[in-house]
Amino acid sequence: MEVILLTDHASLGKSGDTVRVKDGYAHNFLIPRRLAIPVTEGAQKTVEARKRKEIKKRQNEKKAFEDTAAKIKGLSLTLPVESGVEDILFGSVTSEMVANALRQEKITVDKRTIEIEEPIKKLGIYNIDIKLHPEVKVKLKVWVVKK
C-alpha cells in the first residue's frame, strides 16, 4: 500500500514523502496514529498545500530572525561584574547574563543560542556569536567591566 507521510519517520522518510509499506502496517499503525494517509489525488494536493504553507512559515521566521540580527549587529553591551585582583572575575560571564542584558535592550534571545567559545573570566572586550537560525548568525560585542 502506498501512503503519504504526515510526519518525519526515521526508517521511512520525511514528511510529504510517498512510500510503499505493508497493508497491515499502514492500517494498524501509521494511519490510526495520523503519521500517514493513503495516497489519493486529494491527499496529494493537501500535502502540497501543507508544504507550501510550511515553506512560507520558515521564510517568515527567517525574516524575523534577520531583523533581530540587524538590531544586535549594531549593539554593544556592557556587563558590570564583580572582579578581584588582576581583573579576574568571581565566576564567569554566562550566556544567561548576556541574554538578560539583551532583554534589557528589548531584544529577546534564547540563552541556548548564545555561543561563548571559552569561559569569560577576565575584564575586557569580547565578541560573542549568537546563532538565531541555522542560516542567521550574528556577532555581539560585549564589554565586561568592573562593578
C-alpha atoms as a PDB file:
ATOM      1  CA  MET A   1       0.000   0.000   0.000  1.00  0.00           C
ATOM      2  CA  GLU A   2       1.252   3.493  -0.766  1.00  0.00           C
ATOM      3  CA  VAL A   3       0.908   6.186   1.876  1.00  0.00           C
ATOM      4  CA  ILE A   4       1.948   9.811   2.240  1.00  0.00           C
ATOM      5  CA  LEU A   5       3.874  10.514   5.433  1.00  0.00           C
ATOM      6  CA  LEU A   6       2.495  13.374   7.535  1.00  0.00           C
ATOM      7  CA  THR A   7       5.463  13.468   9.913  1.00  0.00           C
ATOM      8  CA  ASP A   8       9.145  12.611   9.643  1.00  0.00           C
ATOM      9  CA  HIS A   9       9.792   8.925  10.287  1.00  0.00           C
ATOM     10  CA  ALA A  10      13.318   7.632  10.904  1.00  0.00           C
ATOM     11  CA  SER A  11      13.083   4.479   8.814  1.00  0.00           C
ATOM     12  CA  LEU A  12      10.516   5.538   6.188  1.00  0.00           C
ATOM     13  CA  GLY A  13      11.302   9.115   5.193  1.00  0.00           C
ATOM     14  CA  LYS A  14      10.412  12.755   5.645  1.00  0.00           C
ATOM     15  CA  SER A  15       7.046  14.437   5.883  1.00  0.00           C
ATOM     16  CA  GLY A  16       5.335  14.597   2.481  1.00  0.00           C
ATOM     17  CA  ASP A  17       7.176  11.583   1.039  1.00  0.00           C
ATOM     18  CA  THR A  18       5.175   8.861  -0.703  1.00  0.00           C
ATOM     19  CA  VAL A  19       6.302   5.415   0.468  1.00  0.00           C
ATOM     20  CA  ARG A  20       5.197   1.834  -0.054  1.00  0.00           C
ATOM     21  CA  VAL A  21       4.520  -0.129   3.155  1.00  0.00           C
ATOM     22  CA  LYS A  22       2.708  -3.342   4.023  1.00  0.00           C
ATOM     23  CA  ASP A  23      -1.074  -3.055   4.291  1.00  0.00           C
ATOM     24  CA  GLY A  24      -1.193  -4.121   7.952  1.00  0.00           C
ATOM     25  CA  TYR A  25       1.481  -1.623   8.979  1.00  0.00           C
ATOM     26  CA  ALA A  26      -0.388   1.176   7.236  1.00  0.00           C
ATOM     27  CA  HIS A  27      -3.870   0.244   8.521  1.00  0.00           C
ATOM     28  CA  ASN A  28      -2.882  -0.725  12.069  1.00  0.00           C
ATOM     29  CA  PHE A  29      -0.082   1.703  12.878  1.00  0.00           C
ATOM     30  CA  LEU A  30       0.558   4.638  10.542  1.00  0.00           C
ATOM     31  CA  ILE A  31      -2.991   5.727   9.677  1.00  0.00           C
ATOM     32  CA  PRO A  32      -4.584   5.430  13.172  1.00  0.00           C
ATOM     33  CA  ARG A  33      -1.719   7.440  14.710  1.00  0.00           C
ATOM     34  CA  ARG A  34      -2.058  10.072  11.965  1.00  0.00           C
ATOM     35  CA  LEU A  35       1.504   9.507  10.825  1.00  0.00           C
ATOM     36  CA  ALA A  36       0.399   8.848   7.248  1.00  0.00           C
ATOM     37  CA  ILE A  37      -2.610   8.928   4.923  1.00  0.00           C
ATOM     38  CA  PRO A  38      -3.443   6.727   1.928  1.00  0.00           C
ATOM     39  CA  VAL A  39      -2.356   8.079  -1.459  1.00  0.00           C
ATOM     40  CA  THR A  40      -5.221   9.784  -3.260  1.00  0.00           C
ATOM     41  CA  GLU A  41      -5.338  12.754  -5.591  1.00  0.00           C
ATOM     42  CA  GLY A  42      -6.937  14.926  -2.901  1.00  0.00           C
ATOM     43  CA  ALA A  43      -4.389  13.831  -0.311  1.00  0.00           C
ATOM     44  CA  GLN A  44      -1.519  14.751  -2.608  1.00  0.00           C
ATOM     45  CA  LYS A  45      -2.981  18.227  -3.149  1.00  0.00           C
ATOM     46  CA  THR A  46      -3.411  18.656   0.603  1.00  0.00           C
ATOM     47  CA  VAL A  47       0.190  17.643   1.253  1.00  0.00           C
ATOM     48  CA  GLU A  48       1.462  20.039  -1.434  1.00  0.00           C
ATOM     49  CA  ALA A  49      -0.558  22.869   0.114  1.00  0.00           C
ATOM     50  CA  ARG A  50       0.856  21.976   3.540  1.00  0.00           C
ATOM     51  CA  LYS A  51       4.409  22.039   2.134  1.00  0.00           C
ATOM     52  CA  ARG A  52       3.871  25.485   0.603  1.00  0.00           C
ATOM     53  CA  LYS A  53       2.460  26.758   3.892  1.00  0.00           C
ATOM     54  CA  GLU A  54       5.426  25.333   5.809  1.00  0.00           C
ATOM     55  CA  ILE A  55       7.918  26.926   3.389  1.00  0.00           C
ATOM     56  CA  LYS A  56       6.216  30.308   3.772  1.00  0.00           C
ATOM     57  CA  LYS A  57       6.260  29.936   7.567  1.00  0.00           C
ATOM     58  CA  ARG A  58      10.016  29.167   7.531  1.00  0.00           C
ATOM     59  CA  GLN A  59      10.663  32.201   5.322  1.00  0.00           C
ATOM     60  CA  ASN A  60       8.735  34.451   7.724  1.00  0.00           C
ATOM     61  CA  GLU A  61      10.664  33.037  10.699  1.00  0.00           C
ATOM     62  CA  LYS A  62      13.977  33.593   8.920  1.00  0.00           C
ATOM     63  CA  LYS A  63      12.953  37.183   8.093  1.00  0.00           C
ATOM     64  CA  ALA A  64      12.111  37.823  11.767  1.00  0.00           C
ATOM     65  CA  PHE A  65      15.481  36.398  12.843  1.00  0.00           C
ATOM     66  CA  GLU A  66      17.275  38.539  10.253  1.00  0.00           C
ATOM     67  CA  ASP A  67      15.550  41.633  11.658  1.00  0.00           C
ATOM     68  CA  THR A  68      16.660  40.673  15.166  1.00  0.00           C
ATOM     69  CA  ALA A  69      20.201  40.083  13.875  1.00  0.00           C
ATOM     70  CA  ALA A  70      20.234  43.568  12.348  1.00  0.00           C
ATOM     71  CA  LYS A  71      19.325  45.052  15.753  1.00  0.00           C
ATOM     72  CA  ILE A  72      22.024  43.026  17.504  1.00  0.00           C
ATOM     73  CA  LYS A  73      24.709  43.793  14.917  1.00  0.00           C
ATOM     74  CA  GLY A  74      24.816  47.478  15.774  1.00  0.00           C
ATOM     75  CA  LEU A  75      24.672  46.855  19.506  1.00  0.00           C
ATOM     76  CA  SER A  76      27.435  46.861  22.108  1.00  0.00           C
ATOM     77  CA  LEU A  77      26.557  45.504  25.567  1.00  0.00           C
ATOM     78  CA  THR A  78      28.219  46.447  28.829  1.00  0.00           C
ATOM     79  CA  LEU A  79      28.147  43.815  31.572  1.00  0.00           C
ATOM     80  CA  PRO A  80      29.208  45.069  35.012  1.00  0.00           C
ATOM     81  CA  VAL A  81      30.571  42.166  37.075  1.00  0.00           C
ATOM     82  CA  GLU A  82      32.459  41.813  40.329  1.00  0.00           C
ATOM     83  CA  SER A  83      36.155  41.144  39.988  1.00  0.00           C
ATOM     84  CA  GLY A  84      39.157  40.679  42.188  1.00  0.00           C
ATOM     85  CA  VAL A  85      42.829  41.350  41.780  1.00  0.00           C
ATOM     86  CA  GLU A  86      44.328  41.477  38.301  1.00  0.00           C
ATOM     87  CA  ASP A  87      40.827  41.937  36.834  1.00  0.00           C
ATOM     88  CA  ILE A  88      39.883  38.275  37.298  1.00  0.00           C
ATOM     89  CA  LEU A  89      36.138  37.724  37.739  1.00  0.00           C
ATOM     90  CA  PHE A  90      34.439  35.937  40.601  1.00  0.00           C
ATOM     91  CA  GLY A  91      32.898  33.219  38.420  1.00  0.00           C
ATOM     92  CA  SER A  92      32.425  33.841  34.714  1.00  0.00           C
ATOM     93  CA  VAL A  93      30.122  35.570  32.247  1.00  0.00           C
ATOM     94  CA  THR A  94      27.381  33.153  31.200  1.00  0.00           C
ATOM     95  CA  SER A  95      25.057  33.051  28.233  1.00  0.00           C
ATOM     96  CA  GLU A  96      22.180  33.735  30.630  1.00  0.00           C
ATOM     97  CA  MET A  97      23.801  37.006  31.705  1.00  0.00           C
ATOM     98  CA  VAL A  98      24.156  38.046  28.053  1.00  0.00           C
ATOM     99  CA  ALA A  99      20.527  37.062  27.330  1.00  0.00           C
ATOM    100  CA  ASN A 100      19.325  39.141  30.307  1.00  0.00           C
ATOM    101  CA  ALA A 101      21.350  42.147  29.125  1.00  0.00           C
ATOM    102  CA  LEU A 102      19.816  41.790  25.653  1.00  0.00           C
ATOM    103  CA  ARG A 103      16.364  41.565  27.225  1.00  0.00           C
ATOM    104  CA  GLN A 104      17.003  44.928  28.911  1.00  0.00           C
ATOM    105  CA  GLU A 105      17.649  46.301  25.410  1.00  0.00           C
ATOM    106  CA  LYS A 106      14.215  44.926  24.386  1.00  0.00           C
ATOM    107  CA  ILE A 107      15.712  42.092  22.304  1.00  0.00           C
ATOM    108  CA  THR A 108      14.558  38.582  23.200  1.00  0.00           C
ATOM    109  CA  VAL A 109      17.107  35.845  22.539  1.00  0.00           C
ATOM    110  CA  ASP A 110      17.162  32.310  23.899  1.00  0.00           C
ATOM    111  CA  LYS A 111      20.236  31.744  26.056  1.00  0.00           C
ATOM    112  CA  ARG A 112      20.918  28.436  24.265  1.00  0.00           C
ATOM    113  CA  THR A 113      21.563  30.318  21.011  1.00  0.00           C
ATOM    114  CA  ILE A 114      24.407  32.312  22.562  1.00  0.00           C
ATOM    115  CA  GLU A 115      27.724  30.612  21.850  1.00  0.00           C
ATOM    116  CA  ILE A 116      30.540  31.583  24.208  1.00  0.00           C
ATOM    117  CA  GLU A 117      33.635  29.726  22.946  1.00  0.00           C
ATOM    118  CA  GLU A 118      35.771  29.989  26.079  1.00  0.00           C
ATOM    119  CA  PRO A 119      34.636  30.933  29.582  1.00  0.00           C
ATOM    120  CA  ILE A 120      34.926  34.687  30.090  1.00  0.00           C
ATOM    121  CA  LYS A 121      36.845  35.091  33.342  1.00  0.00           C
ATOM    122  CA  LYS A 122      38.605  38.453  32.857  1.00  0.00           C
ATOM    123  CA  LEU A 123      37.551  42.017  32.222  1.00  0.00           C
ATOM    124  CA  GLY A 124      37.756  43.127  28.607  1.00  0.00           C
ATOM    125  CA  ILE A 125      36.031  43.257  25.241  1.00  0.00           C
ATOM    126  CA  TYR A 126      34.676  40.031  23.733  1.00  0.00           C
ATOM    127  CA  ASN A 127      32.902  39.095  20.508  1.00  0.00           C
ATOM    128  CA  ILE A 128      30.190  36.514  21.118  1.00  0.00           C
ATOM    129  CA  ASP A 129      28.394  34.545  18.418  1.00  0.00           C
ATOM    130  CA  ILE A 130      24.603  34.300  18.514  1.00  0.00           C
ATOM    131  CA  LYS A 131      23.069  31.665  16.257  1.00  0.00           C
ATOM    132  CA  LEU A 132      19.448  32.746  15.875  1.00  0.00           C
ATOM    133  CA  HIS A 133      18.604  30.398  12.983  1.00  0.00           C
ATOM    134  CA  PRO A 134      20.558  27.752  11.051  1.00  0.00           C
ATOM    135  CA  GLU A 135      21.176  30.383   8.366  1.00  0.00           C
ATOM    136  CA  VAL A 136      21.310  33.522  10.561  1.00  0.00           C
ATOM    137  CA  LYS A 137      24.347  34.114  12.781  1.00  0.00           C
ATOM    138  CA  VAL A 138      25.484  37.422  14.266  1.00  0.00           C
ATOM    139  CA  LYS A 139      28.390  38.674  16.395  1.00  0.00           C
ATOM    140  CA  LEU A 140      27.746  40.748  19.505  1.00  0.00           C
ATOM    141  CA  LYS A 141      30.378  42.952  21.144  1.00  0.00           C
ATOM    142  CA  VAL A 142      30.329  42.586  24.936  1.00  0.00           C
ATOM    143  CA  TRP A 143      32.262  44.850  27.275  1.00  0.00           C
ATOM    144  CA  VAL A 144      32.939  43.157  30.617  1.00  0.00           C
ATOM    145  CA  VAL A 145      33.642  45.927  33.152  1.00  0.00           C
ATOM    146  CA  LYS A 146      34.238  46.154  36.897  1.00  0.00           C
ATOM    147  CA  LYS A 147      31.127  46.704  39.012  1.00  0.00           C
END
